[in-house]
Protein backbone atom coordinates (compact mmCIF):
# COMPACT_ATOMS: atom_id res chain seq x y z
CA MET A 1 -181.01 -82.85 143.10
CA ILE A 2 -182.37 -80.20 140.73
CA PHE A 3 -179.36 -78.01 141.52
CA LEU A 4 -176.98 -80.90 140.81
CA CYS A 5 -178.62 -81.67 137.45
CA ALA A 6 -178.52 -78.00 136.49
CA PHE A 7 -174.83 -77.82 137.40
CA ILE A 8 -174.01 -80.92 135.34
CA LEU A 9 -175.91 -79.57 132.32
CA LEU A 10 -174.14 -76.22 132.63
CA ARG A 11 -170.77 -77.94 132.86
CA LEU A 12 -171.47 -80.15 129.87
CA SER A 13 -172.62 -77.20 127.78
CA SER A 14 -169.45 -75.26 128.62
CA VAL A 15 -167.26 -78.23 127.65
CA ALA A 16 -169.17 -78.69 124.39
CA ALA A 17 -168.77 -75.02 123.60
CA GLY A 18 -164.99 -75.35 123.71
CA TYR A 19 -162.51 -72.51 123.58
CA SER A 20 -163.94 -69.60 121.60
CA LEU A 21 -161.76 -67.41 119.39
CA ILE A 22 -164.17 -64.49 119.58
CA GLY A 23 -162.46 -61.53 121.24
CA LYS A 24 -159.24 -63.42 121.91
CA ASN A 25 -155.92 -61.59 121.49
CA VAL A 26 -153.55 -63.41 119.15
CA LEU A 27 -149.95 -62.92 118.06
CA VAL A 28 -149.02 -64.62 114.78
CA THR A 29 -145.29 -64.36 114.14
CA GLY A 30 -144.10 -64.17 110.56
CA SER A 31 -147.52 -63.06 109.36
CA SER A 32 -146.47 -60.67 106.61
CA GLY A 33 -147.02 -63.44 104.06
CA GLY A 34 -147.29 -67.15 103.36
CA ILE A 35 -148.73 -69.52 105.95
CA GLY A 36 -148.47 -66.93 108.72
CA LYS A 37 -150.62 -64.47 106.82
CA GLY A 38 -153.14 -67.20 106.06
CA ILE A 39 -153.38 -68.08 109.75
CA ALA A 40 -153.72 -64.42 110.76
CA LEU A 41 -156.56 -63.85 108.29
CA LYS A 42 -158.32 -67.05 109.32
CA LEU A 43 -158.17 -66.21 113.04
CA GLY A 44 -159.35 -62.67 112.33
CA LYS A 45 -162.28 -64.06 110.36
CA GLU A 46 -163.15 -66.27 113.34
CA GLY A 47 -163.41 -63.23 115.61
CA ALA A 48 -159.93 -62.91 117.10
CA ASN A 49 -157.92 -59.71 117.53
CA VAL A 50 -154.63 -60.24 115.69
CA ILE A 51 -151.15 -58.75 116.06
CA VAL A 52 -149.08 -58.98 112.88
CA HIS A 53 -145.32 -59.57 113.17
CA TYR A 54 -142.67 -59.17 110.50
CA ASN A 55 -138.90 -59.05 110.17
CA ASN A 56 -137.93 -57.60 106.77
CA ARG A 57 -141.24 -57.37 104.88
CA LYS A 58 -142.80 -54.20 106.27
CA VAL A 59 -144.86 -53.39 103.18
CA GLU A 60 -146.34 -56.90 103.07
CA ALA A 61 -147.12 -56.70 106.81
CA GLN A 62 -149.11 -53.52 106.20
CA VAL A 63 -151.08 -55.35 103.51
CA THR A 64 -151.91 -58.09 106.04
CA LYS A 65 -153.06 -55.36 108.44
CA GLU A 66 -155.31 -53.88 105.76
CA ASN A 67 -156.72 -57.31 104.93
CA LEU A 68 -157.54 -57.86 108.62
CA GLY A 69 -159.32 -54.53 108.94
CA ASN A 70 -160.71 -53.93 112.42
CA SER A 71 -159.46 -57.36 113.52
CA CYS A 72 -155.85 -56.11 113.56
CA LEU A 73 -154.50 -54.78 116.86
CA GLY A 74 -151.23 -53.61 115.32
CA VAL A 75 -148.06 -54.45 113.41
CA LEU A 76 -144.74 -55.06 115.17
CA HIS A 77 -141.19 -55.72 113.98
CA CYS A 78 -138.64 -58.04 115.54
CA ASP A 79 -135.59 -59.90 114.23
CA PHE A 80 -135.69 -63.23 116.05
CA ARG A 81 -132.04 -63.87 115.19
CA LYS A 82 -131.37 -61.40 118.01
CA PRO A 83 -132.87 -63.01 121.13
CA GLU A 84 -132.03 -59.98 123.26
CA THR A 85 -134.71 -58.00 121.38
CA ILE A 86 -137.53 -60.45 122.11
CA PRO A 87 -138.42 -59.29 125.67
CA ASP A 88 -139.00 -55.70 124.47
CA PHE A 89 -141.00 -57.04 121.53
CA MET A 90 -143.26 -59.05 123.83
CA ALA A 91 -143.71 -56.06 126.12
CA LYS A 92 -145.08 -54.15 123.10
CA VAL A 93 -147.35 -57.11 122.31
CA GLN A 94 -148.83 -57.01 125.81
CA GLU A 95 -149.36 -53.24 125.51
CA LEU A 96 -151.37 -53.72 122.32
CA CYS A 97 -153.45 -56.47 123.91
CA LYS A 98 -154.61 -54.35 126.86
CA ASP A 99 -155.97 -57.36 128.78
CA GLY A 100 -153.12 -59.66 127.74
CA LEU A 101 -152.26 -62.23 125.10
CA ASP A 102 -154.52 -65.28 124.82
CA ILE A 103 -153.03 -67.18 121.87
CA LEU A 104 -149.49 -67.35 120.50
CA VAL A 105 -148.83 -68.78 117.04
CA ASN A 106 -145.11 -69.39 116.54
CA ASN A 107 -145.01 -69.36 112.76
CA ALA A 108 -141.90 -67.33 111.85
CA GLY A 109 -139.26 -69.54 110.27
CA SER A 110 -135.95 -69.51 108.46
CA ILE A 111 -135.05 -71.90 105.64
CA THR A 112 -131.45 -71.87 104.46
CA LYS A 113 -129.86 -74.75 102.60
CA LEU A 114 -126.65 -75.54 104.49
CA PRO A 115 -124.30 -78.34 103.39
CA LEU A 116 -123.04 -79.94 106.59
CA GLU A 117 -119.52 -80.09 105.15
CA ASP A 118 -119.28 -76.35 104.41
CA ASP A 119 -116.57 -74.14 105.90
CA ASP A 120 -118.93 -72.38 108.30
CA THR A 121 -116.84 -73.40 111.33
CA ASP A 122 -118.33 -70.67 113.52
CA LEU A 123 -121.77 -72.15 112.78
CA SER A 124 -123.24 -68.68 112.26
CA SER A 125 -125.79 -69.81 109.67
CA TRP A 126 -126.67 -72.85 111.79
CA HIS A 127 -127.20 -70.64 114.85
CA ASP A 128 -129.38 -68.21 112.89
CA THR A 129 -131.66 -71.08 111.81
CA MET A 130 -131.91 -72.39 115.37
CA ALA A 131 -132.50 -68.89 116.75
CA VAL A 132 -135.54 -68.27 114.56
CA ASN A 133 -137.03 -71.77 114.34
CA LEU A 134 -136.40 -73.12 117.84
CA HIS A 135 -135.09 -70.58 120.34
CA ALA A 136 -137.58 -67.82 119.45
CA PRO A 137 -140.66 -70.04 119.97
CA LEU A 138 -139.29 -71.00 123.38
CA LEU A 139 -138.56 -67.41 124.43
CA LEU A 140 -141.87 -66.09 123.11
CA SER A 141 -143.76 -68.85 124.91
CA LYS A 142 -141.88 -68.21 128.16
CA LEU A 143 -142.78 -64.52 127.98
CA ALA A 144 -146.41 -65.20 127.05
CA LEU A 145 -146.94 -67.72 129.85
CA PRO A 146 -147.26 -65.36 132.88
CA THR A 147 -150.25 -63.56 131.36
CA MET A 148 -151.85 -66.85 130.32
CA LYS A 149 -151.39 -68.16 133.87
CA LYS A 150 -153.16 -65.10 135.28
CA LYS A 151 -156.01 -65.60 132.82
CA GLY A 152 -156.26 -69.26 133.76
CA GLU A 153 -156.03 -70.40 130.13
CA GLY A 154 -154.09 -69.99 126.92
CA VAL A 155 -153.09 -71.67 123.68
CA ILE A 156 -149.74 -71.92 121.89
CA ILE A 157 -149.46 -73.24 118.33
CA ASN A 158 -146.03 -74.08 116.90
CA ILE A 159 -145.80 -74.24 113.11
CA SER A 160 -143.33 -77.02 112.38
CA SER A 161 -142.70 -78.98 109.16
CA ILE A 162 -142.62 -82.53 107.87
CA HIS A 163 -138.85 -81.96 107.80
CA GLY A 164 -139.02 -82.43 111.55
CA GLU A 165 -139.58 -86.11 110.85
CA ARG A 166 -137.64 -86.55 107.62
CA SER A 167 -134.74 -84.52 106.25
CA ASN A 168 -133.34 -83.92 102.78
CA GLU A 169 -130.07 -82.86 101.17
CA PHE A 170 -128.65 -79.64 102.64
CA MET A 171 -131.65 -79.34 104.99
CA GLY A 172 -129.86 -80.54 108.13
CA ALA A 173 -130.11 -77.29 110.11
CA TYR A 174 -133.76 -76.77 109.20
CA ALA A 175 -134.69 -80.39 109.91
CA CYS A 176 -132.95 -80.34 113.29
CA SER A 177 -134.68 -77.10 114.24
CA LYS A 178 -138.12 -78.45 113.35
CA SER A 179 -137.51 -81.80 115.03
CA GLY A 180 -136.51 -79.83 118.12
CA LEU A 181 -139.67 -77.74 117.83
CA ASP A 182 -141.78 -80.91 117.78
CA SER A 183 -140.09 -82.05 120.99
CA LEU A 184 -140.49 -78.59 122.50
CA THR A 185 -144.22 -78.71 121.72
CA ARG A 186 -144.59 -81.89 123.76
CA SER A 187 -142.41 -80.60 126.60
CA MET A 188 -144.27 -77.30 126.87
CA ALA A 189 -147.61 -79.12 126.77
CA ILE A 190 -146.52 -81.18 129.77
CA GLU A 191 -145.12 -78.29 131.80
CA PHE A 192 -147.84 -75.75 130.97
CA ALA A 193 -150.79 -78.12 131.48
CA PRO A 194 -151.21 -77.27 135.20
CA TYR A 195 -151.98 -73.69 134.14
CA ASN A 196 -154.60 -74.76 131.58
CA VAL A 197 -152.32 -73.67 128.75
CA ARG A 198 -152.43 -76.05 125.79
CA VAL A 199 -149.61 -76.42 123.27
CA ASN A 200 -149.96 -78.03 119.85
CA GLY A 201 -148.11 -78.08 116.55
CA VAL A 202 -148.85 -78.12 112.83
CA ALA A 203 -146.43 -79.75 110.39
CA PRO A 204 -147.21 -78.69 106.81
CA GLY A 205 -145.97 -80.53 103.76
CA VAL A 206 -145.35 -78.88 100.39
CA VAL A 207 -147.33 -75.63 100.33
CA PRO A 208 -146.35 -73.06 97.68
CA VAL A 209 -145.94 -69.56 99.14
CA GLU A 210 -144.43 -66.30 97.92
CA ARG A 211 -140.82 -67.23 98.63
CA THR A 212 -141.12 -70.53 96.74
CA GLU A 213 -143.19 -69.12 93.89
CA LYS A 214 -140.35 -69.21 91.35
CA ALA A 215 -139.54 -72.84 92.05
CA PHE A 216 -143.13 -73.94 91.57
CA GLN A 217 -143.59 -72.01 88.35
CA ASP A 218 -141.72 -74.96 86.87
CA ASP A 219 -144.49 -77.45 86.01
CA SER A 220 -142.13 -80.42 86.31
CA MET A 221 -141.20 -79.41 89.86
CA ARG A 222 -144.82 -78.84 90.87
CA ASN A 223 -146.00 -82.10 89.28
CA SER A 224 -143.14 -84.09 90.81
CA TRP A 225 -144.15 -83.09 94.33
CA ALA A 226 -147.87 -83.38 93.61
CA GLU A 227 -147.41 -86.98 92.47
CA LYS A 228 -145.78 -87.83 95.81
CA CYS A 229 -148.93 -86.74 97.66
CA LEU A 230 -151.70 -89.32 98.04
CA VAL A 231 -154.28 -86.69 97.12
CA GLY A 232 -152.38 -85.88 93.93
CA ARG A 233 -151.83 -82.16 94.53
CA LEU A 234 -149.97 -79.65 96.66
CA GLY A 235 -151.50 -77.96 99.68
CA THR A 236 -152.71 -74.40 100.14
CA VAL A 237 -152.08 -71.79 102.80
CA GLU A 238 -155.80 -71.78 103.61
CA GLU A 239 -155.80 -75.53 104.30
CA VAL A 240 -152.96 -75.15 106.80
CA ALA A 241 -154.73 -72.23 108.47
CA ASP A 242 -157.94 -74.27 108.75
CA VAL A 243 -156.12 -76.96 110.76
CA CYS A 244 -155.19 -74.43 113.44
CA ILE A 245 -158.82 -73.85 114.41
CA PRO A 246 -159.59 -77.24 116.03
CA LEU A 247 -156.16 -77.26 117.68
CA ILE A 248 -157.05 -73.96 119.31
CA GLU A 249 -160.72 -74.56 120.09
CA ASN A 250 -160.78 -78.23 121.12
CA GLU A 251 -159.82 -78.32 124.80
CA TRP A 252 -159.05 -82.05 124.68
CA ILE A 253 -156.09 -81.59 122.32
CA THR A 254 -152.63 -80.77 123.67
CA GLY A 255 -149.13 -82.06 123.06
CA SER A 256 -149.98 -83.04 119.47
CA THR A 257 -148.37 -82.09 116.18
CA TRP A 258 -150.67 -82.60 113.22
CA GLU A 259 -149.20 -83.36 109.81
CA ILE A 260 -151.03 -81.72 106.92
CA ASP A 261 -149.22 -82.94 103.84
CA GLY A 262 -151.70 -84.55 101.45
CA GLY A 263 -150.46 -87.99 102.51
CA LEU A 264 -146.85 -87.30 101.52
CA MET A 265 -145.37 -88.79 104.69
CA ALA A 266 -147.70 -91.79 104.61
CA ARG A 267 -146.28 -92.89 101.27
CA GLY A 268 -142.65 -92.80 102.38
CA ASN A 269 -140.16 -93.48 99.61
CA TYR A 270 -142.22 -96.07 97.78
CA PRO A 271 -142.66 -95.67 94.01
CA VAL A 272 -145.50 -93.46 92.89
CA ARG A 273 -148.40 -95.42 91.41
CA PRO A 274 -150.23 -93.82 88.46
CA ARG A 275 -153.48 -92.14 89.44
CA PRO A 276 -156.46 -93.69 87.61
CA LEU A 277 -158.25 -91.55 85.08
CA SER A 278 -161.49 -90.10 86.41
CA GLN A 279 -164.53 -91.98 85.21
CA GLY A 280 -167.06 -89.80 83.45
């Protein structure tokens, strides 16, 4: 009886402890800047060993490495528009990890405004968007899975977008890719569950980053989007990064995509009501 009670207490304490980030090996794709960099820095701060990935921003990737300090395992390049290069890339990832990859954050993304009526009949731009936003997360996850299976656990986080639920003018390719990623998150969660590999997603709203800096220097643009958010402001990279922590550590969460958008999607297309003046 004493042995049984001790076993139950030990089991409960291990469940309560959750999945610790300390010492875990993490790949964050697209981490040379923006949300990816924010996630990489957050995970490094929480005790993880981080691999930085970039495509065409080598200098910025080195800055991320410097910011991570001893938490950075290395910096790797890969152009996800070329799926044939991904297996070699993942082989290099596993070499850097020594004992294998524990967590994969599929953050790298491509946003190109594509009118659906354009003359791109070979769909090259469409295919590039799908390759980076949808096909790469699938391939990377497939290649990460064998090591996670051997370890008996693993976590995959897919960075999606609120465009996965609602599109906008000239955003058809991007919206389709993110909607597909949301479905892929659920499908992978189902198929990888027997191996104790959890898969979740994060769908950010309007979060100013380096590549959108010029657009949001316009106060009217910034204020227009801020007014659409229930909280009355735009989000930050750090707030998106913070959401990744419970999705990684809480072992009861899988197959979910969390919206972090300041209430933008909750409002829908209803008129914006004036925010009351603060009292005192």
